[in-house]
Amino acid sequence: MTLLFEKIMDELQDKSVLVVDDDRGMLRAMTKVLASEGMQVTGVSDPLVVAKELADSEKRFDLVITDLRMPMFSGRGVLALASALPELPVIIITAFGGPDVEAQAMSLGAFAVLEKPIAAAQLIEVVKRALARSPTREA
């Protein structure tokens, strides 16, 4: 059992995630869950900061998680920015989901769409799947 636990922890250990959500409570909750799994989490509540974070050559993110609806800059905008970086999976979160929203996000290149409220176990499971499909980034 210990080896299985160590393998699961190794999957997430030191992976770098950018989390974007204008809801500071949701941002704190997701950041806490991901950090507790050993991930390096950068949380951004101002969506306009996303472009700087993604363009910063010093940082390499393994994954982006973004809210869909935010003032000034949507999750679709984040997805468009992230798509310029090869092999960077993006998970969209939304309180306003449905088949049409999910289909549109997936057609734009999202890895997955999660509807709020999101259980911690569900978030971790989707993050693991996204990282398993993404090649390891070089620093």
C-alpha atoms as a PDB file:
ATOM      1  CA  MET A   1       0.000   0.000   0.000  1.00  0.00           C
ATOM      2  CA  THR A   2       2.877   2.376   0.774  1.00  0.00           C
ATOM      3  CA  LEU A   3       4.388   1.932  -2.699  1.00  0.00           C
ATOM      4  CA  LEU A   4       1.062   2.781  -4.323  1.00  0.00           C
ATOM      5  CA  PHE A   5       0.746   5.916  -2.181  1.00  0.00           C
ATOM      6  CA  GLU A   6       4.301   6.979  -3.072  1.00  0.00           C
ATOM      7  CA  LYS A   7       3.616   6.418  -6.788  1.00  0.00           C
ATOM      8  CA  ILE A   8       0.486   8.589  -6.635  1.00  0.00           C
ATOM      9  CA  MET A   9       2.331  11.333  -4.772  1.00  0.00           C
ATOM     10  CA  ASP A  10       5.188  11.196  -7.305  1.00  0.00           C
ATOM     11  CA  GLU A  11       2.698  11.814 -10.130  1.00  0.00           C
ATOM     12  CA  LEU A  12       1.882  15.247  -8.736  1.00  0.00           C
ATOM     13  CA  GLN A  13       5.009  16.120  -6.768  1.00  0.00           C
ATOM     14  CA  ASP A  14       6.603  19.338  -8.007  1.00  0.00           C
ATOM     15  CA  LYS A  15       4.244  19.698 -10.976  1.00  0.00           C
ATOM     16  CA  SER A  16       3.570  23.358 -11.659  1.00  0.00           C
ATOM     17  CA  VAL A  17      -0.019  24.537 -12.026  1.00  0.00           C
ATOM     18  CA  LEU A  18      -1.474  27.930 -12.882  1.00  0.00           C
ATOM     19  CA  VAL A  19      -4.943  28.376 -11.364  1.00  0.00           C
ATOM     20  CA  VAL A  20      -7.081  31.298 -12.594  1.00  0.00           C
ATOM     21  CA  ASP A  21     -10.346  32.236 -10.887  1.00  0.00           C
ATOM     22  CA  ASP A  22     -11.796  35.652 -10.042  1.00  0.00           C
ATOM     23  CA  ASP A  23     -13.593  34.064  -7.059  1.00  0.00           C
ATOM     24  CA  ARG A  24     -10.908  34.335  -4.369  1.00  0.00           C
ATOM     25  CA  GLY A  25     -12.573  31.693  -2.175  1.00  0.00           C
ATOM     26  CA  MET A  26     -12.600  29.158  -5.000  1.00  0.00           C
ATOM     27  CA  LEU A  27      -9.024  30.100  -5.889  1.00  0.00           C
ATOM     28  CA  ARG A  28      -7.871  29.537  -2.290  1.00  0.00           C
ATOM     29  CA  ALA A  29      -9.682  26.197  -2.078  1.00  0.00           C
ATOM     30  CA  MET A  30      -8.209  24.832  -5.326  1.00  0.00           C
ATOM     31  CA  THR A  31      -4.746  26.137  -4.450  1.00  0.00           C
ATOM     32  CA  LYS A  32      -4.898  24.441  -1.043  1.00  0.00           C
ATOM     33  CA  VAL A  33      -6.058  21.094  -2.496  1.00  0.00           C
ATOM     34  CA  LEU A  34      -3.361  21.058  -5.199  1.00  0.00           C
ATOM     35  CA  ALA A  35      -0.581  22.230  -2.866  1.00  0.00           C
ATOM     36  CA  SER A  36      -1.510  19.487  -0.378  1.00  0.00           C
ATOM     37  CA  GLU A  37      -0.721  17.003  -3.174  1.00  0.00           C
ATOM     38  CA  GLY A  38       2.803  18.419  -3.487  1.00  0.00           C
ATOM     39  CA  MET A  39       2.160  20.601  -6.501  1.00  0.00           C
ATOM     40  CA  GLN A  40       3.679  24.043  -7.049  1.00  0.00           C
ATOM     41  CA  VAL A  41       0.620  26.280  -7.454  1.00  0.00           C
ATOM     42  CA  THR A  42       0.447  29.828  -8.795  1.00  0.00           C
ATOM     43  CA  GLY A  43      -2.970  31.315  -8.105  1.00  0.00           C
ATOM     44  CA  VAL A  44      -4.178  34.330 -10.060  1.00  0.00           C
ATOM     45  CA  SER A  45      -7.443  36.127  -9.299  1.00  0.00           C
ATOM     46  CA  ASP A  46      -6.885  38.884 -11.864  1.00  0.00           C
ATOM     47  CA  PRO A  47      -7.332  37.274 -15.276  1.00  0.00           C
ATOM     48  CA  LEU A  48      -5.333  40.051 -16.926  1.00  0.00           C
ATOM     49  CA  VAL A  49      -2.217  38.776 -15.111  1.00  0.00           C
ATOM     50  CA  VAL A  50      -2.550  35.433 -16.906  1.00  0.00           C
ATOM     51  CA  ALA A  51      -0.801  36.612 -20.080  1.00  0.00           C
ATOM     52  CA  LYS A  52       2.223  37.721 -18.047  1.00  0.00           C
ATOM     53  CA  GLU A  53       2.346  34.447 -16.122  1.00  0.00           C
ATOM     54  CA  LEU A  54       2.124  32.340 -19.277  1.00  0.00           C
ATOM     55  CA  ALA A  55       4.637  34.502 -21.152  1.00  0.00           C
ATOM     56  CA  ASP A  56       7.181  34.538 -18.309  1.00  0.00           C
ATOM     57  CA  SER A  57      10.097  32.551 -19.675  1.00  0.00           C
ATOM     58  CA  GLU A  58      11.278  31.727 -16.153  1.00  0.00           C
ATOM     59  CA  LYS A  59       8.112  29.779 -15.386  1.00  0.00           C
ATOM     60  CA  ARG A  60       7.014  26.569 -16.995  1.00  0.00           C
ATOM     61  CA  PHE A  61       3.554  25.334 -16.136  1.00  0.00           C
ATOM     62  CA  ASP A  62       2.540  21.701 -16.517  1.00  0.00           C
ATOM     63  CA  LEU A  63      -1.168  22.536 -16.355  1.00  0.00           C
ATOM     64  CA  VAL A  64      -3.612  25.462 -16.351  1.00  0.00           C
ATOM     65  CA  ILE A  65      -6.939  25.423 -14.519  1.00  0.00           C
ATOM     66  CA  THR A  66      -9.218  28.360 -15.295  1.00  0.00           C
ATOM     67  CA  ASP A  67     -12.696  29.575 -14.543  1.00  0.00           C
ATOM     68  CA  LEU A  68     -14.784  30.063 -17.679  1.00  0.00           C
ATOM     69  CA  ARG A  69     -16.607  33.281 -16.816  1.00  0.00           C
ATOM     70  CA  MET A  70     -14.580  36.143 -15.404  1.00  0.00           C
ATOM     71  CA  PRO A  71     -14.782  39.891 -15.829  1.00  0.00           C
ATOM     72  CA  MET A  72     -12.543  41.429 -18.514  1.00  0.00           C
ATOM     73  CA  PHE A  73     -11.010  38.139 -19.607  1.00  0.00           C
ATOM     74  CA  SER A  74     -12.735  34.794 -19.998  1.00  0.00           C
ATOM     75  CA  GLY A  75     -11.571  31.243 -19.618  1.00  0.00           C
ATOM     76  CA  ARG A  76     -11.785  31.054 -23.416  1.00  0.00           C
ATOM     77  CA  GLY A  77      -9.134  33.785 -23.541  1.00  0.00           C
ATOM     78  CA  VAL A  78      -6.947  31.834 -21.126  1.00  0.00           C
ATOM     79  CA  LEU A  79      -7.447  28.731 -23.273  1.00  0.00           C
ATOM     80  CA  ALA A  80      -6.408  30.675 -26.380  1.00  0.00           C
ATOM     81  CA  LEU A  81      -3.243  31.940 -24.662  1.00  0.00           C
ATOM     82  CA  ALA A  82      -2.375  28.491 -23.326  1.00  0.00           C
ATOM     83  CA  SER A  83      -2.912  26.887 -26.730  1.00  0.00           C
ATOM     84  CA  ALA A  84       0.052  28.886 -27.993  1.00  0.00           C
ATOM     85  CA  LEU A  85       2.196  26.780 -25.661  1.00  0.00           C
ATOM     86  CA  PRO A  86       2.536  23.249 -27.027  1.00  0.00           C
ATOM     87  CA  GLU A  87       1.301  20.369 -24.900  1.00  0.00           C
ATOM     88  CA  LEU A  88      -0.091  22.544 -22.080  1.00  0.00           C
ATOM     89  CA  PRO A  89      -3.362  20.978 -20.882  1.00  0.00           C
ATOM     90  CA  VAL A  90      -6.134  23.321 -19.737  1.00  0.00           C
ATOM     91  CA  ILE A  91      -8.967  22.371 -17.413  1.00  0.00           C
ATOM     92  CA  ILE A  92     -11.994  24.676 -17.536  1.00  0.00           C
ATOM     93  CA  ILE A  93     -14.168  25.112 -14.448  1.00  0.00           C
ATOM     94  CA  THR A  94     -17.586  26.712 -14.563  1.00  0.00           C
ATOM     95  CA  ALA A  95     -20.775  27.246 -12.642  1.00  0.00           C
ATOM     96  CA  PHE A  96     -22.576  27.654 -15.959  1.00  0.00           C
ATOM     97  CA  GLY A  97     -21.951  24.313 -17.639  1.00  0.00           C
ATOM     98  CA  GLY A  98     -23.934  22.066 -19.855  1.00  0.00           C
ATOM     99  CA  PRO A  99     -23.367  20.051 -23.014  1.00  0.00           C
ATOM    100  CA  ASP A 100     -23.032  23.112 -25.270  1.00  0.00           C
ATOM    101  CA  VAL A 101     -20.476  24.806 -23.014  1.00  0.00           C
ATOM    102  CA  GLU A 102     -18.480  21.595 -22.658  1.00  0.00           C
ATOM    103  CA  ALA A 103     -18.547  20.889 -26.399  1.00  0.00           C
ATOM    104  CA  GLN A 104     -17.380  24.407 -27.214  1.00  0.00           C
ATOM    105  CA  ALA A 105     -14.543  24.322 -24.638  1.00  0.00           C
ATOM    106  CA  MET A 106     -13.394  20.911 -25.844  1.00  0.00           C
ATOM    107  CA  SER A 107     -13.457  22.076 -29.473  1.00  0.00           C
ATOM    108  CA  LEU A 108     -11.209  24.985 -28.449  1.00  0.00           C
ATOM    109  CA  GLY A 109      -8.709  22.537 -26.964  1.00  0.00           C
ATOM    110  CA  ALA A 110      -9.661  22.173 -23.306  1.00  0.00           C
ATOM    111  CA  PHE A 111      -8.618  18.897 -21.689  1.00  0.00           C
ATOM    112  CA  ALA A 112     -11.727  18.775 -19.497  1.00  0.00           C
ATOM    113  CA  VAL A 113     -14.626  20.857 -18.217  1.00  0.00           C
ATOM    114  CA  LEU A 114     -15.628  20.608 -14.552  1.00  0.00           C
ATOM    115  CA  GLU A 115     -18.821  22.073 -13.137  1.00  0.00           C
ATOM    116  CA  LYS A 116     -18.792  23.885  -9.798  1.00  0.00           C
ATOM    117  CA  PRO A 117     -18.980  22.877  -7.046  1.00  0.00           C
ATOM    118  CA  ILE A 118     -15.977  20.625  -7.550  1.00  0.00           C
ATOM    119  CA  ALA A 119     -15.053  17.958  -5.010  1.00  0.00           C
ATOM    120  CA  ALA A 120     -11.358  17.806  -4.110  1.00  0.00           C
ATOM    121  CA  ALA A 121     -11.145  14.143  -5.183  1.00  0.00           C
ATOM    122  CA  GLN A 122     -12.692  14.978  -8.566  1.00  0.00           C
ATOM    123  CA  LEU A 123     -10.231  17.836  -9.110  1.00  0.00           C
ATOM    124  CA  ILE A 124      -7.228  15.653  -8.242  1.00  0.00           C
ATOM    125  CA  GLU A 125      -8.434  12.810 -10.477  1.00  0.00           C
ATOM    126  CA  VAL A 126      -8.811  15.098 -13.520  1.00  0.00           C
ATOM    127  CA  VAL A 127      -5.484  16.814 -12.804  1.00  0.00           C
ATOM    128  CA  LYS A 128      -3.755  13.413 -12.707  1.00  0.00           C
ATOM    129  CA  ARG A 129      -5.300  12.426 -16.046  1.00  0.00           C
ATOM    130  CA  ALA A 130      -4.294  15.745 -17.632  1.00  0.00           C
ATOM    131  CA  LEU A 131      -0.715  15.463 -16.399  1.00  0.00           C
ATOM    132  CA  ALA A 132      -0.464  11.827 -17.490  1.00  0.00           C
ATOM    133  CA  ARG A 133      -1.221  12.896 -21.078  1.00  0.00           C
ATOM    134  CA  SER A 134       1.134  15.868 -20.981  1.00  0.00           C
ATOM    135  CA  PRO A 135       4.866  15.351 -21.528  1.00  0.00           C
ATOM    136  CA  THR A 136       7.149  16.551 -18.763  1.00  0.00           C
ATOM    137  CA  ARG A 137       8.220  20.125 -19.387  1.00  0.00           C
ATOM    138  CA  GLU A 138      11.858  21.058 -19.340  1.00  0.00           C
ATOM    139  CA  ALA A 139      12.790  23.930 -17.086  1.00  0.00           C
END
